[in-house]
Protein backbone atom coordinates (compact mmCIF):
# COMPACT_ATOMS: atom_id res chain seq x y z
CA UNK A 1 -22.80 -52.53 -26.87
CA UNK A 2 -23.10 -50.10 -24.00
CA UNK A 3 -26.62 -50.64 -22.61
CA UNK A 4 -26.96 -47.03 -21.43
CA UNK A 5 -26.09 -45.77 -24.90
CA UNK A 6 -28.56 -48.24 -26.43
CA UNK A 7 -31.41 -47.08 -24.18
CA UNK A 8 -30.71 -43.41 -24.81
CA UNK A 9 -30.45 -43.91 -28.56
CA UNK A 10 -33.82 -45.67 -28.59
CA UNK A 11 -35.31 -42.73 -26.67
CA UNK A 12 -33.77 -40.32 -29.19
CA UNK A 13 -35.35 -42.05 -32.19
CA UNK A 14 -38.70 -42.30 -30.39
CA UNK A 15 -38.61 -38.57 -29.63
CA UNK A 16 -37.79 -37.88 -33.26
CA UNK A 17 -40.92 -39.74 -34.40
CA UNK A 18 -43.07 -38.05 -31.71
CA UNK A 19 -43.80 -41.27 -29.83
CA UNK A 20 -45.92 -40.94 -26.66
CA UNK A 21 -44.03 -39.34 -23.79
CA UNK A 22 -44.56 -42.31 -21.45
CA UNK A 23 -42.80 -44.60 -23.91
CA UNK A 24 -39.83 -42.26 -24.30
CA UNK A 25 -39.52 -41.75 -20.56
CA UNK A 26 -39.47 -45.51 -19.96
CA UNK A 27 -36.18 -45.71 -21.86
CA UNK A 28 -34.75 -42.49 -20.41
CA UNK A 29 -35.51 -43.65 -16.85
CA UNK A 30 -34.08 -47.11 -17.50
CA UNK A 31 -30.92 -45.49 -18.87
CA UNK A 32 -30.57 -43.47 -15.66
CA UNK A 33 -30.99 -46.63 -13.56
CA UNK A 34 -28.44 -48.53 -15.64
CA UNK A 35 -25.97 -45.63 -15.51
CA UNK A 36 -26.12 -45.72 -11.71
CA UNK A 37 -24.80 -49.29 -11.55
CA UNK A 38 -21.29 -50.55 -12.01
CA UNK A 39 -21.08 -52.14 -15.50
CA UNK A 40 -20.16 -55.54 -14.08
CA UNK A 41 -23.00 -55.41 -11.58
CA UNK A 42 -25.42 -54.34 -14.31
CA UNK A 43 -24.35 -57.26 -16.48
CA UNK A 44 -24.66 -59.72 -13.58
CA UNK A 45 -28.14 -58.46 -12.67
CA UNK A 46 -29.24 -58.61 -16.30
CA UNK A 47 -28.01 -62.18 -16.78
CA UNK A 48 -29.51 -63.41 -13.51
CA UNK A 49 -32.81 -61.63 -14.08
CA UNK A 50 -32.52 -59.63 -10.86
CA UNK A 51 -32.55 -56.40 -12.85
CA UNK A 52 -36.26 -56.94 -13.58
CA UNK A 53 -37.13 -56.18 -9.96
CA UNK A 54 -35.47 -52.74 -9.98
CA UNK A 55 -37.73 -49.70 -10.11
CA UNK A 56 -37.55 -48.07 -13.52
CA UNK A 57 -36.84 -51.29 -15.44
CA UNK A 58 -39.67 -52.76 -17.51
CA UNK A 59 -39.93 -55.75 -19.80
CA UNK A 60 -38.78 -53.92 -22.95
CA UNK A 61 -35.93 -52.06 -21.29
CA UNK A 62 -34.77 -55.22 -19.51
CA UNK A 63 -34.57 -57.01 -22.84
CA UNK A 64 -32.55 -54.15 -24.35
CA UNK A 65 -30.07 -54.21 -21.46
CA UNK A 66 -29.81 -58.00 -21.49
CA UNK A 67 -29.05 -58.12 -25.21
CA UNK A 68 -26.58 -55.23 -24.97
CA UNK A 69 -24.53 -56.77 -22.13
CA UNK A 70 -24.37 -60.00 -24.16
CA UNK A 71 -22.69 -58.08 -26.96
CA UNK A 72 -25.68 -57.81 -29.27
CA UNK A 73 -27.31 -54.80 -30.85
CA UNK A 74 -30.73 -54.94 -29.14
CA UNK A 75 -33.64 -55.91 -31.37
CA UNK A 76 -35.62 -52.85 -30.31
CA UNK A 77 -32.76 -50.56 -31.36
CA UNK A 78 -32.43 -52.31 -34.71
CA UNK A 79 -36.14 -51.71 -35.40
CA UNK A 80 -36.14 -48.00 -34.51
CA UNK A 81 -32.96 -47.45 -36.53
CA UNK A 82 -34.62 -49.05 -39.54
CA UNK A 83 -37.70 -46.86 -39.13
CA UNK A 84 -35.50 -43.76 -38.85
CA UNK A 85 -33.09 -44.49 -41.68
CA UNK A 86 -34.49 -41.80 -43.99
CA UNK A 87 -34.47 -38.03 -43.37
CA UNK A 88 -37.66 -36.63 -41.87
CA UNK A 89 -38.33 -34.55 -44.99
CA UNK A 90 -37.74 -35.19 -48.67
CA UNK A 91 -37.06 -31.60 -49.70
CA UNK A 92 -34.48 -29.07 -48.57
CA UNK A 93 -31.65 -31.55 -48.14
CA UNK A 94 -28.97 -29.20 -49.49
CA UNK A 95 -30.20 -26.40 -47.25
CA UNK A 96 -30.35 -28.74 -44.26
CA UNK A 97 -26.69 -29.63 -44.80
CA UNK A 98 -25.85 -25.92 -44.72
CA UNK A 99 -27.36 -25.43 -41.27
CA UNK A 100 -24.73 -25.02 -38.56
CA UNK A 101 -26.84 -24.46 -35.48
CA UNK A 102 -30.18 -24.11 -33.76
CA UNK A 103 -31.33 -21.06 -31.78
CA UNK A 104 -34.46 -22.42 -30.09
CA UNK A 105 -34.41 -25.39 -27.72
CA UNK A 106 -35.81 -26.25 -24.30
CA UNK A 107 -34.52 -28.34 -21.41
CA UNK A 108 -36.02 -29.68 -18.19
CA UNK A 109 -35.26 -26.31 -16.62
CA UNK A 110 -38.58 -25.20 -18.14
CA UNK A 111 -40.93 -27.50 -20.08
CA UNK A 112 -38.42 -29.72 -21.87
CA UNK A 113 -37.97 -33.37 -20.95
CA UNK A 114 -34.19 -33.69 -20.64
CA UNK A 115 -31.27 -31.96 -18.89
CA UNK A 116 -29.28 -29.40 -20.89
CA UNK A 117 -26.29 -31.73 -21.23
CA UNK A 118 -28.45 -34.34 -22.97
CA UNK A 119 -29.66 -31.71 -25.43
CA UNK A 120 -26.08 -30.64 -26.09
CA UNK A 121 -24.85 -34.22 -26.57
CA UNK A 122 -27.64 -34.88 -29.08
CA UNK A 123 -26.89 -31.66 -30.97
CA UNK A 124 -23.22 -32.65 -31.17
CA UNK A 125 -24.16 -36.13 -32.39
CA UNK A 126 -26.28 -34.52 -35.13
CA UNK A 127 -23.29 -32.46 -36.25
CA UNK A 128 -24.36 -29.04 -34.99
CA UNK A 129 -21.69 -26.40 -34.41
CA UNK A 130 -23.81 -24.57 -31.85
CA UNK A 131 -27.02 -24.85 -29.88
CA UNK A 132 -28.83 -22.09 -28.02
CA UNK A 133 -30.55 -23.09 -24.80
CA UNK A 134 -33.71 -20.95 -24.76
CA UNK A 135 -35.92 -22.03 -21.90
CA UNK A 136 -39.11 -20.10 -21.19
CA UNK A 137 -39.36 -16.85 -19.23
CA UNK A 138 -41.11 -16.37 -15.85
CA UNK A 139 -44.51 -15.20 -17.11
CA UNK A 140 -45.12 -18.63 -18.62
CA UNK A 141 -45.72 -20.35 -15.30
CA UNK A 142 -47.35 -23.38 -16.94
CA UNK A 143 -43.99 -24.05 -18.62
CA UNK A 144 -41.96 -23.47 -15.42
CA UNK A 145 -40.42 -20.31 -16.86
CA UNK A 146 -37.09 -19.11 -15.50
CA UNK A 147 -36.90 -16.25 -13.05
CA UNK A 148 -33.86 -14.00 -13.24
CA UNK A 149 -32.29 -15.97 -10.39
CA UNK A 150 -32.83 -19.35 -12.05
CA UNK A 151 -31.62 -18.02 -15.39
CA UNK A 152 -28.43 -16.76 -13.74
CA UNK A 153 -27.82 -20.28 -12.40
CA UNK A 154 -28.39 -21.71 -15.84
CA UNK A 155 -25.77 -19.36 -17.26
CA UNK A 156 -23.27 -20.81 -14.79
CA UNK A 157 -24.24 -24.31 -15.94
CA UNK A 158 -23.77 -23.39 -19.60
CA UNK A 159 -20.31 -22.03 -18.77
CA UNK A 160 -19.43 -25.37 -17.18
CA UNK A 161 -20.75 -27.30 -20.18
CA UNK A 162 -18.76 -25.12 -22.59
CA UNK A 163 -15.61 -25.62 -20.52
CA UNK A 164 -15.89 -29.36 -21.10
CA UNK A 165 -17.61 -29.34 -24.51
CA UNK A 166 -15.83 -30.76 -27.52
CA UNK A 167 -16.86 -29.70 -30.99
CA UNK A 168 -19.95 -27.66 -30.08
CA UNK A 169 -20.66 -24.25 -28.57
CA UNK A 170 -23.62 -23.82 -26.22
CA UNK A 171 -25.16 -20.36 -26.48
CA UNK A 172 -26.96 -18.72 -23.58
CA UNK A 173 -30.47 -17.67 -24.40
CA UNK A 174 -34.14 -17.44 -23.56
CA UNK A 175 -37.50 -17.64 -25.27
CA UNK A 176 -38.87 -14.45 -23.77
CA UNK A 177 -42.62 -14.10 -23.66
CA UNK A 178 -43.86 -10.96 -25.39
CA UNK A 179 -46.05 -9.37 -22.74
CA UNK A 180 -49.29 -7.55 -23.60
CA UNK A 181 -47.39 -4.28 -23.28
CA UNK A 182 -44.89 -5.40 -25.92
CA UNK A 183 -42.13 -5.69 -23.33
CA UNK A 184 -39.93 -8.76 -23.02
CA UNK A 185 -40.55 -11.01 -20.03
CA UNK A 186 -37.15 -10.83 -18.35
CA UNK A 187 -35.08 -8.13 -16.72
CA UNK A 188 -33.05 -5.96 -19.12
CA UNK A 189 -29.94 -6.79 -17.08
CA UNK A 190 -30.38 -10.53 -17.66
CA UNK A 191 -31.26 -10.10 -21.33
CA UNK A 192 -28.02 -8.15 -21.79
CA UNK A 193 -26.07 -11.18 -20.52
CA UNK A 194 -27.49 -13.56 -23.11
CA UNK A 195 -26.13 -14.55 -26.49
CA UNK A 196 -29.55 -15.01 -28.11
CA UNK A 197 -33.05 -13.74 -27.32
CA UNK A 198 -36.04 -15.35 -29.05
CA UNK A 199 -39.22 -13.31 -28.49
CA UNK A 200 -42.57 -15.10 -28.82
CA UNK A 201 -46.25 -14.51 -28.03
CA UNK A 202 -47.78 -17.27 -25.89
CA UNK A 203 -50.95 -15.73 -24.47
CA UNK A 204 -54.12 -14.02 -25.73
CA UNK A 205 -53.38 -15.20 -29.25
CA UNK A 206 -56.91 -14.26 -30.35
CA UNK A 207 -56.40 -10.56 -29.67
CA UNK A 208 -57.57 -8.21 -32.41
CA UNK A 209 -55.25 -7.32 -35.29
CA UNK A 210 -54.29 -3.88 -34.00
CA UNK A 211 -53.57 -5.05 -30.46
CA UNK A 212 -51.44 -7.97 -31.63
CA UNK A 213 -49.54 -5.79 -34.12
CA UNK A 214 -48.65 -3.20 -31.45
CA UNK A 215 -47.61 -5.96 -29.08
CA UNK A 216 -45.29 -7.60 -31.60
CA UNK A 217 -43.81 -4.30 -32.76
CA UNK A 218 -42.92 -3.47 -29.16
CA UNK A 219 -40.76 -6.57 -28.91
CA UNK A 220 -39.26 -6.21 -32.41
CA UNK A 221 -38.22 -2.62 -31.66
CA UNK A 222 -36.43 -3.77 -28.49
CA UNK A 223 -32.69 -3.91 -29.35
CA UNK A 224 -32.31 -7.05 -27.23
CA UNK A 225 -34.58 -9.13 -29.51
CA UNK A 226 -32.78 -11.30 -32.07
CA UNK A 227 -35.44 -13.71 -33.33
CA UNK A 228 -39.22 -13.46 -33.62
CA UNK A 229 -40.43 -16.93 -32.63
CA UNK A 230 -43.38 -18.85 -34.18
CA UNK A 231 -45.02 -15.59 -35.18
CA UNK A 232 -48.63 -16.74 -35.72
CA UNK A 233 -48.87 -19.19 -32.80
CA UNK A 234 -50.88 -21.58 -34.94
CA UNK A 235 -51.20 -25.35 -34.47
CA UNK A 236 -52.11 -27.39 -37.52
CA UNK A 237 -52.14 -30.88 -35.97
CA UNK A 238 -50.94 -32.88 -32.99
CA UNK A 239 -51.97 -33.92 -29.49
CA UNK A 240 -52.84 -30.35 -28.45
CA UNK A 241 -55.39 -30.06 -31.25
CA UNK A 242 -55.46 -27.24 -33.78
CA UNK A 243 -55.35 -23.48 -33.30
CA UNK A 244 -55.87 -20.76 -35.92
CA UNK A 245 -53.13 -18.27 -36.60
CA UNK A 246 -53.23 -14.97 -34.77
CA UNK A 247 -54.12 -11.83 -36.68
CA UNK A 248 -51.59 -9.01 -37.13
CA UNK A 249 -50.37 -6.61 -39.79
CA UNK A 250 -47.72 -8.86 -41.31
CA UNK A 251 -46.33 -6.17 -43.64
CA UNK A 252 -45.69 -3.79 -40.73
CA UNK A 253 -44.29 -6.55 -38.52
CA UNK A 254 -41.90 -7.89 -41.15
CA UNK A 255 -40.82 -4.40 -42.23
CA UNK A 256 -39.91 -3.75 -38.58
CA UNK A 257 -38.01 -7.05 -38.43
CA UNK A 258 -35.99 -6.09 -41.50
CA UNK A 259 -35.32 -2.57 -40.17
CA UNK A 260 -34.31 -3.74 -36.67
CA UNK A 261 -32.28 -6.78 -37.68
CA UNK A 262 -34.67 -9.32 -36.13
CA UNK A 263 -34.76 -12.71 -37.84
CA UNK A 264 -38.11 -14.33 -38.55
CA UNK A 265 -38.14 -17.87 -37.21
CA UNK A 266 -39.11 -20.76 -39.45
CA UNK A 267 -40.28 -23.03 -36.67
CA UNK A 268 -39.59 -26.65 -37.54
CA UNK A 269 -42.08 -28.33 -35.22
CA UNK A 270 -44.43 -30.36 -37.44
CA UNK A 271 -47.51 -29.27 -35.49
CA UNK A 272 -46.67 -25.58 -35.95
CA UNK A 273 -45.35 -25.13 -39.53
CA UNK A 274 -45.06 -21.48 -38.59
CA UNK A 275 -45.04 -19.07 -40.40
CA UNK A 276 -47.43 -20.27 -43.11
CA UNK A 277 -45.99 -20.21 -46.64
CA UNK A 278 -47.67 -16.94 -47.60
CA UNK A 279 -46.10 -15.18 -44.61
CA UNK A 280 -42.66 -16.60 -45.41
CA UNK A 281 -43.09 -15.00 -48.83
CA UNK A 282 -44.08 -11.66 -47.28
CA UNK A 283 -41.07 -11.75 -44.96
CA UNK A 284 -38.82 -12.64 -47.88
CA UNK A 285 -40.13 -9.71 -49.91
CA UNK A 286 -39.68 -7.40 -46.91
CA UNK A 287 -35.97 -8.21 -46.82
CA UNK A 288 -36.04 -10.19 -43.58
CA UNK A 289 -33.43 -12.59 -42.32
CA UNK A 290 -34.62 -16.00 -41.12
CA UNK A 291 -33.69 -18.51 -38.43
CA UNK A 292 -34.54 -22.18 -38.98
CA UNK A 293 -35.00 -23.59 -35.47
CA UNK A 294 -36.21 -26.87 -34.01
CA UNK A 295 -38.06 -25.58 -30.92
CA UNK A 296 -37.00 -28.96 -29.52
CA UNK A 297 -38.30 -30.07 -26.13
CA UNK A 298 -36.40 -33.37 -26.21
CA UNK A 299 -33.07 -34.49 -27.74
CA UNK A 300 -34.62 -36.40 -30.65
CA UNK A 301 -36.67 -33.38 -31.66
CA UNK A 302 -33.49 -31.48 -32.52
CA UNK A 303 -33.63 -33.36 -35.83
CA UNK A 304 -36.84 -31.48 -36.72
CA UNK A 305 -34.63 -29.01 -38.62
CA UNK A 306 -35.28 -31.21 -41.66
CA UNK A 307 -38.86 -29.92 -41.70
CA UNK A 308 -37.83 -26.28 -41.47
CA UNK A 309 -35.21 -26.66 -44.20
CA UNK A 310 -37.79 -28.26 -46.49
CA UNK A 311 -40.24 -25.36 -46.01
CA UNK A 312 -37.53 -22.73 -46.48
CA UNK A 313 -36.32 -24.38 -49.68
CA UNK A 314 -39.89 -24.72 -50.96
CA UNK A 315 -40.36 -20.97 -50.50
CA UNK A 316 -37.07 -20.01 -52.11
CA UNK A 317 -35.35 -18.65 -49.01
CA UNK A 318 -31.64 -18.35 -49.86
CA UNK A 319 -29.14 -19.89 -47.45
CA UNK A 320 -27.27 -16.61 -46.98
CA UNK A 321 -30.38 -15.04 -45.43
CA UNK A 322 -30.70 -17.82 -42.86
CA UNK A 323 -28.68 -16.91 -39.78
CA UNK A 324 -28.43 -20.53 -38.61
CA UNK A 325 -26.21 -21.23 -41.62
CA UNK A 326 -23.69 -18.69 -40.33
CA UNK A 327 -20.52 -19.56 -38.37
CA UNK A 328 -20.95 -18.95 -34.65
CA UNK A 329 -18.57 -15.98 -34.58
CA UNK A 330 -20.56 -14.15 -37.27
CA UNK A 331 -23.83 -15.06 -35.57
CA UNK A 332 -22.74 -13.76 -32.17
CA UNK A 333 -21.44 -10.52 -33.65
CA UNK A 334 -24.80 -10.00 -35.39
CA UNK A 335 -26.76 -10.82 -32.21
CA UNK A 336 -24.84 -8.25 -30.19
CA UNK A 337 -25.44 -5.35 -32.58
CA UNK A 338 -27.50 -2.55 -31.08
CA UNK A 339 -27.29 -3.78 -27.49
């Protein structure tokens, strides 16, 4: 089989199971090295052993390439495929099948690990109809947030990808930081150019209830906001440790979401599980729409939607109130309302 495809598929499955970043990057880097060689030269170097001396090729990746050029499915790939044969979550399978797209993903333009085209290719492979590229905004410097100038360049890149894309639509977007003032962290002119705006709080998550409520309401009342991202900011497990949920008046926040046509995100990252079940119920009772999103920072993490679908199904969220089950034309028409 194609050795580059084998290396990238291994990286995908490792990302999906949240393997250590260094292990994933070993296969991504080896794939880049292999892609830079003529296929005949790659095969010759693999068979002679000379490939081992190239920077970016380790023992495991060399073995994968060697087996692939000899016409075998590499042993490493067989093992990760076997480990990944079952869906990530048991519940919500019918709802997962109804999902058409994903409105929250990150690339290496901010704090993701892969170029936008790799995210798009993975989304297509998973059967998505659309994927929104929502890299971070400039206030989040630790995540290499996009200035207006960098975002404008990314819009040009998305246009190029869509011109060549087959079977998937890439939506322009941003995960805009909700500033302490309640304003969105990007110029109004740039926000008006985007298909999707996800608004999220990333700083001072331990603010008092009143302060956090006013901050969130400011963003929800902004007609450019489409989705309220990971609303409590909590972390329940994972390498970053745990973090309690922020305090805010959930009834007021969700009532504002319902009134302003802002979808409440069901964030599918396993370490977030945000909102908690009781808040999903409150949002459901308030009449909110929902968006099941992966918040993927790597191609394999796009498959996290299984987790979000399971939690939505568990809480009785009907598919028709989940905007990521909608066709792209209906979604874009809804996103543009009020702007």
